[in-house]
Amino acid sequence: MKKEYKSVIVLADLVGGTPFKTAVTILEKEVDFRVIGGINLPLVIELSMLRSTTNDIEELLEQLLITSQEAISEFKQVMKKKNLKLNCLKEFNFIRSPTTIKAETLVFQRVSAF
């Protein structure tokens, strides 16, 4: 492999999947390479934005791991932390389209009818 970069980060969707294994096999002889599994599109976007702020691979990966941990949440736990009830979703900081708001209103109207 022709060396053009000091460090390489390979992003793979599944740990142990074919892209992940291939990257590990090809890059195992490289000095500073990282293969990160479990990546999704928001994390790819986050990494591309972080790259404009630093070229330090350790800093990039540290921030990416923090972001990934913050991005994963379970709805009921978030509601508990914010002390919200299901019918108080308007207080929750979601970015919602008009279509989504109409659907939520319809669902809450039907639930309230019971």
C-alpha atoms as a PDB file:
ATOM      1  CA  MET A   1       0.000   0.000   0.000  1.00  0.00           C
ATOM      2  CA  LYS A   2       1.387   3.370  -0.995  1.00  0.00           C
ATOM      3  CA  LYS A   3       1.778   5.620   2.059  1.00  0.00           C
ATOM      4  CA  GLU A   4       0.314   9.055   1.464  1.00  0.00           C
ATOM      5  CA  TYR A   5      -1.153   9.778   4.893  1.00  0.00           C
ATOM      6  CA  LYS A   6       0.205   9.700   8.429  1.00  0.00           C
ATOM      7  CA  SER A   7      -2.950   8.080   9.753  1.00  0.00           C
ATOM      8  CA  VAL A   8      -6.007   6.338   8.371  1.00  0.00           C
ATOM      9  CA  ILE A   9      -9.471   5.883   9.865  1.00  0.00           C
ATOM     10  CA  VAL A  10     -11.668   3.244   8.247  1.00  0.00           C
ATOM     11  CA  LEU A  11     -15.365   3.396   9.100  1.00  0.00           C
ATOM     12  CA  ALA A  12     -17.406   0.205   8.925  1.00  0.00           C
ATOM     13  CA  ASP A  13     -21.060  -0.356   9.693  1.00  0.00           C
ATOM     14  CA  LEU A  14     -20.644  -3.760  11.368  1.00  0.00           C
ATOM     15  CA  VAL A  15     -17.861  -4.959  13.625  1.00  0.00           C
ATOM     16  CA  GLY A  16     -16.658  -8.217  12.112  1.00  0.00           C
ATOM     17  CA  GLY A  17     -18.406  -7.621   8.784  1.00  0.00           C
ATOM     18  CA  THR A  18     -16.578  -7.998   5.465  1.00  0.00           C
ATOM     19  CA  PRO A  19     -15.514  -4.318   5.132  1.00  0.00           C
ATOM     20  CA  PHE A  20     -14.280  -4.344   8.733  1.00  0.00           C
ATOM     21  CA  LYS A  21     -12.285  -7.577   8.313  1.00  0.00           C
ATOM     22  CA  THR A  22     -10.873  -6.489   4.953  1.00  0.00           C
ATOM     23  CA  ALA A  23      -9.697  -3.156   6.357  1.00  0.00           C
ATOM     24  CA  VAL A  24      -8.036  -4.862   9.322  1.00  0.00           C
ATOM     25  CA  THR A  25      -6.288  -7.352   7.024  1.00  0.00           C
ATOM     26  CA  ILE A  26      -5.037  -4.703   4.594  1.00  0.00           C
ATOM     27  CA  LEU A  27      -4.049  -2.156   7.203  1.00  0.00           C
ATOM     28  CA  GLU A  28      -2.596  -4.424   9.901  1.00  0.00           C
ATOM     29  CA  LYS A  29       0.942  -3.560   8.788  1.00  0.00           C
ATOM     30  CA  GLU A  30       0.330   0.189   8.827  1.00  0.00           C
ATOM     31  CA  VAL A  31       1.668   2.174  11.755  1.00  0.00           C
ATOM     32  CA  ASP A  32      -1.256   4.479  12.566  1.00  0.00           C
ATOM     33  CA  PHE A  33      -4.554   3.089  11.373  1.00  0.00           C
ATOM     34  CA  ARG A  34      -7.885   2.721  13.077  1.00  0.00           C
ATOM     35  CA  VAL A  35     -10.862   0.637  12.026  1.00  0.00           C
ATOM     36  CA  ILE A  36     -14.070   1.772  13.708  1.00  0.00           C
ATOM     37  CA  GLY A  37     -17.119  -0.492  13.585  1.00  0.00           C
ATOM     38  CA  GLY A  38     -20.736   0.291  14.364  1.00  0.00           C
ATOM     39  CA  ILE A  39     -20.742   3.512  12.388  1.00  0.00           C
ATOM     40  CA  ASN A  40     -23.934   5.085  11.056  1.00  0.00           C
ATOM     41  CA  LEU A  41     -24.543   8.069   8.774  1.00  0.00           C
ATOM     42  CA  PRO A  42     -24.840  10.701  11.536  1.00  0.00           C
ATOM     43  CA  LEU A  43     -21.433   9.623  12.860  1.00  0.00           C
ATOM     44  CA  VAL A  44     -19.891   9.839   9.386  1.00  0.00           C
ATOM     45  CA  ILE A  45     -21.244  13.383   9.082  1.00  0.00           C
ATOM     46  CA  GLU A  46     -19.970  14.228  12.578  1.00  0.00           C
ATOM     47  CA  LEU A  47     -16.501  12.921  11.737  1.00  0.00           C
ATOM     48  CA  SER A  48     -16.353  14.904   8.500  1.00  0.00           C
ATOM     49  CA  MET A  49     -17.270  18.078  10.410  1.00  0.00           C
ATOM     50  CA  LEU A  50     -14.746  17.339  13.170  1.00  0.00           C
ATOM     51  CA  ARG A  51     -12.022  16.897  10.575  1.00  0.00           C
ATOM     52  CA  SER A  52     -12.237  20.580   9.720  1.00  0.00           C
ATOM     53  CA  THR A  53     -11.339  21.433  13.337  1.00  0.00           C
ATOM     54  CA  THR A  54      -8.389  19.090  13.913  1.00  0.00           C
ATOM     55  CA  ASN A  55      -6.126  16.575  12.187  1.00  0.00           C
ATOM     56  CA  ASP A  56      -5.178  14.801  15.418  1.00  0.00           C
ATOM     57  CA  ILE A  57      -6.486  11.239  15.062  1.00  0.00           C
ATOM     58  CA  GLU A  58      -6.693  10.704  18.838  1.00  0.00           C
ATOM     59  CA  GLU A  59      -8.800  13.825  19.310  1.00  0.00           C
ATOM     60  CA  LEU A  60     -11.064  12.918  16.376  1.00  0.00           C
ATOM     61  CA  LEU A  61     -11.721   9.424  17.686  1.00  0.00           C
ATOM     62  CA  GLU A  62     -12.245  10.581  21.263  1.00  0.00           C
ATOM     63  CA  GLN A  63     -14.863  13.102  20.146  1.00  0.00           C
ATOM     64  CA  LEU A  64     -16.482  10.565  17.797  1.00  0.00           C
ATOM     65  CA  LEU A  65     -16.844   8.041  20.628  1.00  0.00           C
ATOM     66  CA  ILE A  66     -18.345  10.687  22.934  1.00  0.00           C
ATOM     67  CA  THR A  67     -20.790  11.723  20.211  1.00  0.00           C
ATOM     68  CA  SER A  68     -21.799   8.117  19.517  1.00  0.00           C
ATOM     69  CA  GLN A  69     -22.508   7.468  23.206  1.00  0.00           C
ATOM     70  CA  GLU A  70     -24.605  10.633  23.446  1.00  0.00           C
ATOM     71  CA  ALA A  71     -26.507   9.793  20.262  1.00  0.00           C
ATOM     72  CA  ILE A  72     -27.863   6.490  21.500  1.00  0.00           C
ATOM     73  CA  SER A  73     -30.779   6.828  23.874  1.00  0.00           C
ATOM     74  CA  GLU A  74     -33.918   5.034  24.904  1.00  0.00           C
ATOM     75  CA  PHE A  75     -37.033   7.172  24.634  1.00  0.00           C
ATOM     76  CA  LYS A  76     -38.573   6.386  28.046  1.00  0.00           C
ATOM     77  CA  GLN A  77     -35.296   7.047  29.869  1.00  0.00           C
ATOM     78  CA  VAL A  78     -34.960  10.424  28.164  1.00  0.00           C
ATOM     79  CA  MET A  79     -38.537  11.247  29.115  1.00  0.00           C
ATOM     80  CA  LYS A  80     -37.792  10.301  32.760  1.00  0.00           C
ATOM     81  CA  LYS A  81     -34.649  12.452  32.852  1.00  0.00           C
ATOM     82  CA  LYS A  82     -36.579  15.409  31.523  1.00  0.00           C
ATOM     83  CA  ASN A  83     -39.505  14.598  33.847  1.00  0.00           C
ATOM     84  CA  LEU A  84     -41.953  14.592  30.949  1.00  0.00           C
ATOM     85  CA  LYS A  85     -45.136  12.670  30.380  1.00  0.00           C
ATOM     86  CA  LEU A  86     -46.042  11.156  27.040  1.00  0.00           C
ATOM     87  CA  ASN A  87     -48.625  13.858  26.336  1.00  0.00           C
ATOM     88  CA  CYS A  88     -46.010  16.606  26.857  1.00  0.00           C
ATOM     89  CA  LEU A  89     -43.958  15.874  23.737  1.00  0.00           C
ATOM     90  CA  LYS A  90     -44.227  19.479  22.596  1.00  0.00           C
ATOM     91  CA  GLU A  91     -41.792  20.375  25.396  1.00  0.00           C
ATOM     92  CA  PHE A  92     -39.315  17.805  24.100  1.00  0.00           C
ATOM     93  CA  ASN A  93     -36.614  19.192  21.817  1.00  0.00           C
ATOM     94  CA  PHE A  94     -37.459  17.307  18.637  1.00  0.00           C
ATOM     95  CA  ILE A  95     -37.118  18.793  15.190  1.00  0.00           C
ATOM     96  CA  ARG A  96     -40.426  17.843  13.641  1.00  0.00           C
ATOM     97  CA  SER A  97     -41.928  18.431  10.250  1.00  0.00           C
ATOM     98  CA  PRO A  98     -45.537  19.626   9.872  1.00  0.00           C
ATOM     99  CA  THR A  99     -46.464  16.109   8.698  1.00  0.00           C
ATOM    100  CA  THR A 100     -45.007  14.585  11.867  1.00  0.00           C
ATOM    101  CA  ILE A 101     -46.827  17.087  14.068  1.00  0.00           C
ATOM    102  CA  LYS A 102     -50.140  16.255  12.341  1.00  0.00           C
ATOM    103  CA  ALA A 103     -49.516  12.523  12.856  1.00  0.00           C
ATOM    104  CA  GLU A 104     -48.656  13.064  16.547  1.00  0.00           C
ATOM    105  CA  THR A 105     -51.776  15.152  17.064  1.00  0.00           C
ATOM    106  CA  LEU A 106     -53.917  12.465  15.451  1.00  0.00           C
ATOM    107  CA  VAL A 107     -52.344   9.735  17.617  1.00  0.00           C
ATOM    108  CA  PHE A 108     -52.792  11.751  20.821  1.00  0.00           C
ATOM    109  CA  GLN A 109     -56.405  12.541  19.937  1.00  0.00           C
ATOM    110  CA  ARG A 110     -57.114   8.835  19.452  1.00  0.00           C
ATOM    111  CA  VAL A 111     -55.272   7.853  22.643  1.00  0.00           C
ATOM    112  CA  SER A 112     -57.128  10.547  24.605  1.00  0.00           C
ATOM    113  CA  ALA A 113     -60.443   9.167  23.353  1.00  0.00           C
ATOM    114  CA  PHE A 114     -59.874   5.927  25.299  1.00  0.00           C
END
